[in-house]
């Protein structure tokens, strides 16, 4: 996704936003709040990194060293998010956005939190 130029990326986000807005209007009526392209983009960042966080958590899972492995998940997620933003500097019309890295890390954090809670519940049984 980050290798698409600004126009391609914007068109894709607008297409998805339009689909979601039509779907929401059909379900909730014409007075529903319209999703912007920016909301779609930021939600996509969060969800992509939520999935990445789940995969990293399961990949690093070692119950004997859980705290260390959680740090590995955050470090790997952060390095991937930063490298993705740096990569965008070389794509026409795209920029490096530190706020996107924060959203990405929020997705990683939610994934870690959910899976950690699941492990705790399994341990208590």
N, C-alpha and C. Protein backbone atom coordinates (compact mmCIF):
# COMPACT_ATOMS: atom_id res chain seq x y z
N UNK A 1 0.81 -1.19 0.00
CA UNK A 1 0.00 0.00 0.00
C UNK A 1 0.86 1.26 0.00
N UNK A 2 1.95 1.24 0.74
CA UNK A 2 2.76 2.45 0.85
C UNK A 2 3.56 2.73 -0.41
N UNK A 3 3.60 1.79 -1.36
CA UNK A 3 4.33 2.04 -2.60
C UNK A 3 3.46 2.72 -3.66
N UNK A 4 2.17 2.89 -3.37
CA UNK A 4 1.29 3.58 -4.32
C UNK A 4 1.55 5.07 -4.24
N UNK A 5 1.54 5.74 -5.39
CA UNK A 5 1.75 7.18 -5.36
C UNK A 5 0.54 7.86 -4.71
N UNK A 6 0.67 9.15 -4.46
CA UNK A 6 -0.36 9.88 -3.71
C UNK A 6 -1.72 9.80 -4.39
N UNK A 7 -1.76 9.91 -5.70
CA UNK A 7 -3.05 9.89 -6.40
C UNK A 7 -3.72 8.52 -6.31
N UNK A 8 -2.96 7.46 -6.53
CA UNK A 8 -3.51 6.10 -6.42
C UNK A 8 -4.01 5.83 -5.00
N UNK A 9 -3.21 6.21 -4.03
CA UNK A 9 -3.57 5.99 -2.63
C UNK A 9 -4.84 6.75 -2.26
N UNK A 10 -4.91 8.00 -2.69
CA UNK A 10 -6.09 8.82 -2.41
C UNK A 10 -7.33 8.25 -3.08
N UNK A 11 -7.20 7.83 -4.33
CA UNK A 11 -8.35 7.25 -5.05
C UNK A 11 -8.86 5.99 -4.36
N UNK A 12 -7.94 5.17 -3.89
CA UNK A 12 -8.35 3.95 -3.20
C UNK A 12 -9.06 4.28 -1.89
N UNK A 13 -8.51 5.22 -1.13
CA UNK A 13 -9.14 5.61 0.13
C UNK A 13 -10.51 6.22 -0.10
N UNK A 14 -10.62 7.06 -1.13
CA UNK A 14 -11.91 7.67 -1.45
C UNK A 14 -12.93 6.63 -1.88
N UNK A 15 -12.49 5.64 -2.64
CA UNK A 15 -13.38 4.56 -3.07
C UNK A 15 -13.92 3.81 -1.86
N UNK A 16 -13.04 3.46 -0.92
CA UNK A 16 -13.46 2.73 0.27
C UNK A 16 -14.37 3.60 1.14
N UNK A 17 -14.01 4.87 1.29
CA UNK A 17 -14.84 5.78 2.08
C UNK A 17 -16.23 5.90 1.47
N UNK A 18 -16.30 5.99 0.14
CA UNK A 18 -17.60 6.09 -0.53
C UNK A 18 -18.42 4.83 -0.31
N UNK A 19 -17.80 3.66 -0.45
CA UNK A 19 -18.52 2.40 -0.21
C UNK A 19 -19.05 2.33 1.22
N UNK A 20 -18.21 2.66 2.19
CA UNK A 20 -18.63 2.62 3.58
C UNK A 20 -19.75 3.62 3.86
N UNK A 21 -19.64 4.81 3.29
CA UNK A 21 -20.67 5.83 3.50
C UNK A 21 -22.01 5.40 2.90
N UNK A 22 -21.99 4.81 1.71
CA UNK A 22 -23.24 4.31 1.11
C UNK A 22 -23.85 3.21 1.97
N UNK A 23 -23.01 2.31 2.44
CA UNK A 23 -23.46 1.21 3.29
C UNK A 23 -24.05 1.75 4.59
N UNK A 24 -23.37 2.69 5.23
CA UNK A 24 -23.87 3.27 6.48
C UNK A 24 -25.19 4.01 6.27
N UNK A 25 -25.34 4.72 5.15
CA UNK A 25 -26.60 5.43 4.87
C UNK A 25 -27.75 4.44 4.65
N UNK A 26 -27.45 3.30 4.02
CA UNK A 26 -28.49 2.29 3.81
C UNK A 26 -28.96 1.70 5.14
N UNK A 27 -28.04 1.51 6.06
CA UNK A 27 -28.38 0.90 7.34
C UNK A 27 -29.01 1.92 8.29
N UNK A 28 -28.39 3.09 8.42
CA UNK A 28 -28.79 4.04 9.45
C UNK A 28 -29.57 5.25 8.93
N UNK A 29 -29.71 5.38 7.62
CA UNK A 29 -30.45 6.50 7.07
C UNK A 29 -29.53 7.61 6.60
N UNK A 30 -30.13 8.64 5.98
CA UNK A 30 -29.33 9.69 5.34
C UNK A 30 -28.64 10.64 6.32
N UNK A 31 -29.00 10.60 7.58
CA UNK A 31 -28.45 11.57 8.53
C UNK A 31 -27.21 11.08 9.27
N UNK A 32 -26.68 9.93 8.86
CA UNK A 32 -25.49 9.38 9.50
C UNK A 32 -24.27 10.24 9.15
N UNK A 33 -23.32 10.31 10.06
CA UNK A 33 -22.09 11.08 9.84
C UNK A 33 -21.30 10.44 8.71
N UNK A 34 -20.78 11.26 7.82
CA UNK A 34 -20.02 10.78 6.68
C UNK A 34 -18.56 10.57 7.07
N UNK A 35 -18.02 9.41 6.69
CA UNK A 35 -16.61 9.12 6.96
C UNK A 35 -15.74 9.82 5.93
N UNK A 36 -14.69 10.44 6.38
CA UNK A 36 -13.77 11.11 5.46
C UNK A 36 -12.68 10.15 5.00
N UNK A 37 -11.98 10.56 3.97
CA UNK A 37 -10.85 9.78 3.48
C UNK A 37 -9.81 9.60 4.59
N UNK A 38 -9.60 10.66 5.37
CA UNK A 38 -8.60 10.60 6.44
C UNK A 38 -8.98 9.58 7.51
N UNK A 39 -10.25 9.50 7.86
CA UNK A 39 -10.71 8.52 8.85
C UNK A 39 -10.46 7.10 8.32
N UNK A 40 -10.74 6.90 7.05
CA UNK A 40 -10.51 5.58 6.44
C UNK A 40 -9.03 5.24 6.46
N UNK A 41 -8.18 6.20 6.12
CA UNK A 41 -6.72 5.96 6.12
C UNK A 41 -6.20 5.61 7.51
N UNK A 42 -6.61 6.39 8.50
CA UNK A 42 -6.10 6.17 9.86
C UNK A 42 -6.62 4.86 10.43
N UNK A 43 -7.87 4.52 10.12
CA UNK A 43 -8.43 3.24 10.57
C UNK A 43 -7.69 2.09 9.91
N UNK A 44 -7.35 2.23 8.64
CA UNK A 44 -6.60 1.19 7.94
C UNK A 44 -5.23 0.99 8.59
N UNK A 45 -4.56 2.10 8.92
CA UNK A 45 -3.27 1.99 9.62
C UNK A 45 -3.44 1.19 10.91
N UNK A 46 -4.41 1.57 11.70
CA UNK A 46 -4.63 0.92 12.99
C UNK A 46 -4.90 -0.58 12.80
N UNK A 47 -5.80 -0.92 11.89
CA UNK A 47 -6.18 -2.32 11.70
C UNK A 47 -5.04 -3.16 11.12
N UNK A 48 -4.27 -2.58 10.19
CA UNK A 48 -3.13 -3.32 9.63
C UNK A 48 -2.12 -3.67 10.72
N UNK A 49 -1.86 -2.71 11.59
CA UNK A 49 -0.87 -2.95 12.63
C UNK A 49 -1.44 -3.75 13.79
N UNK A 50 -2.75 -3.77 13.95
CA UNK A 50 -3.38 -4.66 14.92
C UNK A 50 -3.13 -6.11 14.49
N UNK A 51 -3.32 -6.38 13.20
CA UNK A 51 -3.07 -7.72 12.67
C UNK A 51 -1.58 -8.05 12.79
N UNK A 52 -0.71 -7.11 12.42
CA UNK A 52 0.73 -7.34 12.55
C UNK A 52 1.10 -7.62 14.00
N UNK A 53 0.52 -6.86 14.93
CA UNK A 53 0.79 -7.08 16.35
C UNK A 53 0.39 -8.48 16.80
N UNK A 54 -0.76 -8.96 16.32
CA UNK A 54 -1.19 -10.32 16.65
C UNK A 54 -0.20 -11.35 16.11
N UNK A 55 0.21 -11.16 14.87
CA UNK A 55 1.16 -12.11 14.26
C UNK A 55 2.51 -12.08 14.97
N UNK A 56 2.99 -10.89 15.29
CA UNK A 56 4.27 -10.79 16.02
C UNK A 56 4.16 -11.41 17.40
N UNK A 57 3.07 -11.15 18.09
CA UNK A 57 2.87 -11.70 19.44
C UNK A 57 2.91 -13.22 19.38
N UNK A 58 2.18 -13.79 18.44
CA UNK A 58 2.16 -15.25 18.34
C UNK A 58 3.52 -15.78 17.88
N UNK A 59 4.21 -15.03 17.04
CA UNK A 59 5.52 -15.46 16.57
C UNK A 59 6.58 -15.44 17.66
N UNK A 60 6.49 -14.45 18.56
CA UNK A 60 7.46 -14.34 19.64
C UNK A 60 7.01 -15.04 20.92
N UNK A 61 5.85 -15.69 20.88
CA UNK A 61 5.27 -16.24 22.10
C UNK A 61 6.18 -17.27 22.76
N UNK A 62 6.58 -16.94 23.96
CA UNK A 62 7.34 -17.83 24.83
C UNK A 62 6.88 -17.48 26.23
N UNK A 63 6.05 -18.32 26.81
CA UNK A 63 5.42 -18.00 28.09
C UNK A 63 6.41 -17.86 29.23
N UNK A 64 7.60 -18.40 29.06
CA UNK A 64 8.58 -18.28 30.13
C UNK A 64 9.26 -16.91 30.14
N UNK A 65 9.25 -16.23 29.00
CA UNK A 65 9.87 -14.91 28.88
C UNK A 65 8.89 -13.92 28.26
N UNK A 66 7.70 -13.88 28.78
CA UNK A 66 6.63 -13.11 28.16
C UNK A 66 6.93 -11.61 28.11
N UNK A 67 7.44 -11.04 29.21
CA UNK A 67 7.71 -9.60 29.23
C UNK A 67 8.75 -9.22 28.18
N UNK A 68 9.79 -10.01 28.06
CA UNK A 68 10.83 -9.74 27.06
C UNK A 68 10.27 -9.85 25.65
N UNK A 69 9.43 -10.82 25.44
CA UNK A 69 8.86 -11.02 24.11
C UNK A 69 7.87 -9.92 23.73
N UNK A 70 7.17 -9.39 24.71
CA UNK A 70 6.28 -8.25 24.44
C UNK A 70 7.11 -7.05 24.00
N UNK A 71 8.27 -6.86 24.61
CA UNK A 71 9.17 -5.79 24.18
C UNK A 71 9.64 -6.01 22.74
N UNK A 72 9.91 -7.26 22.38
CA UNK A 72 10.30 -7.58 21.01
C UNK A 72 9.17 -7.24 20.03
N UNK A 73 7.93 -7.53 20.42
CA UNK A 73 6.79 -7.23 19.57
C UNK A 73 6.71 -5.72 19.32
N UNK A 74 6.82 -4.93 20.40
CA UNK A 74 6.77 -3.48 20.23
C UNK A 74 7.95 -2.96 19.42
N UNK A 75 9.13 -3.50 19.65
CA UNK A 75 10.31 -3.05 18.91
C UNK A 75 10.18 -3.39 17.42
N UNK A 76 9.78 -4.61 17.12
CA UNK A 76 9.62 -5.02 15.71
C UNK A 76 8.52 -4.21 15.04
N UNK A 77 7.42 -4.00 15.74
CA UNK A 77 6.32 -3.21 15.18
C UNK A 77 6.75 -1.77 14.92
N UNK A 78 7.49 -1.20 15.87
CA UNK A 78 7.96 0.17 15.71
C UNK A 78 8.93 0.29 14.54
N UNK A 79 9.87 -0.64 14.44
CA UNK A 79 10.83 -0.61 13.34
C UNK A 79 10.12 -0.75 11.99
N UNK A 80 9.13 -1.62 11.94
CA UNK A 80 8.39 -1.79 10.69
C UNK A 80 7.62 -0.52 10.35
N UNK A 81 6.96 0.08 11.33
CA UNK A 81 6.18 1.31 11.10
C UNK A 81 7.07 2.45 10.62
N UNK A 82 8.21 2.61 11.28
CA UNK A 82 9.14 3.68 10.89
C UNK A 82 9.72 3.42 9.50
N UNK A 83 10.09 2.17 9.23
CA UNK A 83 10.65 1.87 7.91
C UNK A 83 9.61 2.08 6.81
N UNK A 84 8.35 1.79 7.11
CA UNK A 84 7.28 2.01 6.13
C UNK A 84 7.11 3.50 5.85
N UNK A 85 7.18 4.32 6.88
CA UNK A 85 7.07 5.77 6.68
C UNK A 85 8.27 6.32 5.93
N UNK A 86 9.46 5.82 6.23
CA UNK A 86 10.66 6.26 5.50
C UNK A 86 10.55 5.86 4.03
N UNK A 87 10.05 4.65 3.79
CA UNK A 87 9.85 4.19 2.41
C UNK A 87 8.96 5.16 1.63
N UNK A 88 7.96 5.71 2.29
CA UNK A 88 7.03 6.61 1.61
C UNK A 88 7.70 7.91 1.15
N UNK A 89 8.83 8.26 1.75
CA UNK A 89 9.56 9.44 1.29
C UNK A 89 10.02 9.30 -0.16
N UNK A 90 10.17 8.07 -0.61
CA UNK A 90 10.67 7.80 -1.95
C UNK A 90 9.56 7.52 -2.96
N UNK A 91 8.31 7.66 -2.51
CA UNK A 91 7.16 7.44 -3.39
C UNK A 91 6.59 8.81 -3.77
N UNK A 92 6.38 9.05 -5.07
CA UNK A 92 5.89 10.37 -5.50
C UNK A 92 4.62 10.82 -4.78
N UNK A 93 4.68 12.02 -4.19
CA UNK A 93 3.52 12.60 -3.54
C UNK A 93 3.27 12.13 -2.12
N UNK A 94 4.05 11.19 -1.65
CA UNK A 94 3.84 10.66 -0.29
C UNK A 94 4.84 11.31 0.65
N UNK A 95 4.52 11.30 1.94
CA UNK A 95 5.40 11.91 2.94
C UNK A 95 5.53 11.02 4.16
N UNK A 96 6.49 11.34 4.98
CA UNK A 96 6.68 10.67 6.26
C UNK A 96 5.79 11.38 7.27
N UNK A 97 4.94 10.62 7.96
CA UNK A 97 4.03 11.20 8.94
C UNK A 97 4.22 10.51 10.28
N UNK A 98 4.86 11.19 11.23
CA UNK A 98 5.07 10.59 12.55
C UNK A 98 3.76 10.18 13.24
N UNK A 99 2.67 10.92 12.98
CA UNK A 99 1.39 10.57 13.58
C UNK A 99 0.93 9.18 13.15
N UNK A 100 1.25 8.80 11.90
CA UNK A 100 0.89 7.46 11.43
C UNK A 100 1.63 6.38 12.22
N UNK A 101 2.87 6.66 12.60
CA UNK A 101 3.62 5.70 13.42
C UNK A 101 2.92 5.54 14.78
N UNK A 102 2.42 6.63 15.33
CA UNK A 102 1.69 6.54 16.61
C UNK A 102 0.42 5.70 16.46
N UNK A 103 -0.30 5.89 15.37
CA UNK A 103 -1.50 5.08 15.14
C UNK A 103 -1.13 3.61 14.96
N UNK A 104 -0.05 3.37 14.23
CA UNK A 104 0.43 1.99 14.03
C UNK A 104 0.75 1.35 15.38
N UNK A 105 1.44 2.10 16.23
CA UNK A 105 1.82 1.55 17.54
C UNK A 105 0.59 1.33 18.43
N UNK A 106 -0.44 2.14 18.25
CA UNK A 106 -1.68 1.90 18.98
C UNK A 106 -2.28 0.56 18.57
N UNK A 107 -2.24 0.25 17.28
CA UNK A 107 -2.72 -1.05 16.80
C UNK A 107 -1.92 -2.19 17.39
N UNK A 108 -0.59 -2.03 17.43
CA UNK A 108 0.27 -3.05 18.04
C UNK A 108 -0.10 -3.20 19.52
N UNK A 109 -0.27 -2.08 20.21
CA UNK A 109 -0.58 -2.11 21.64
C UNK A 109 -1.90 -2.79 21.94
N UNK A 110 -2.91 -2.52 21.14
CA UNK A 110 -4.21 -3.18 21.36
C UNK A 110 -4.08 -4.68 21.12
N UNK A 111 -3.36 -5.07 20.08
CA UNK A 111 -3.16 -6.50 19.81
C UNK A 111 -2.46 -7.18 20.98
N UNK A 112 -1.39 -6.56 21.46
CA UNK A 112 -0.65 -7.14 22.59
C UNK A 112 -1.55 -7.22 23.82
N UNK A 113 -2.29 -6.15 24.09
CA UNK A 113 -3.17 -6.14 25.25
C UNK A 113 -4.24 -7.22 25.19
N UNK A 114 -4.86 -7.39 24.04
CA UNK A 114 -5.90 -8.40 23.89
C UNK A 114 -5.35 -9.81 24.04
N UNK A 115 -4.23 -10.07 23.38
CA UNK A 115 -3.66 -11.41 23.46
C UNK A 115 -3.06 -11.71 24.83
N UNK A 116 -2.51 -10.70 25.48
CA UNK A 116 -1.99 -10.88 26.83
C UNK A 116 -3.13 -11.22 27.79
N UNK A 117 -4.26 -10.52 27.66
CA UNK A 117 -5.42 -10.82 28.49
C UNK A 117 -5.91 -12.24 28.25
N UNK A 118 -5.89 -12.66 27.00
CA UNK A 118 -6.30 -14.03 26.68
C UNK A 118 -5.38 -15.03 27.36
N UNK A 119 -4.08 -14.78 27.34
CA UNK A 119 -3.13 -15.68 28.01
C UNK A 119 -3.38 -15.72 29.50
N UNK A 120 -3.65 -14.57 30.09
CA UNK A 120 -3.92 -14.53 31.53
C UNK A 120 -5.17 -15.34 31.88
N UNK A 121 -6.21 -15.20 31.08
CA UNK A 121 -7.44 -15.97 31.33
C UNK A 121 -7.19 -17.46 31.20
N UNK A 122 -6.39 -17.87 30.23
CA UNK A 122 -6.07 -19.29 30.07
C UNK A 122 -5.27 -19.79 31.25
N UNK A 123 -4.39 -18.96 31.78
CA UNK A 123 -3.54 -19.34 32.90
C UNK A 123 -4.36 -19.54 34.18
N UNK A 124 -5.41 -18.74 34.33
CA UNK A 124 -6.25 -18.81 35.52
C UNK A 124 -7.17 -20.02 35.50
N UNK A 125 -7.34 -20.64 34.38
CA UNK A 125 -8.23 -21.82 34.31
C UNK A 125 -7.57 -23.05 34.80
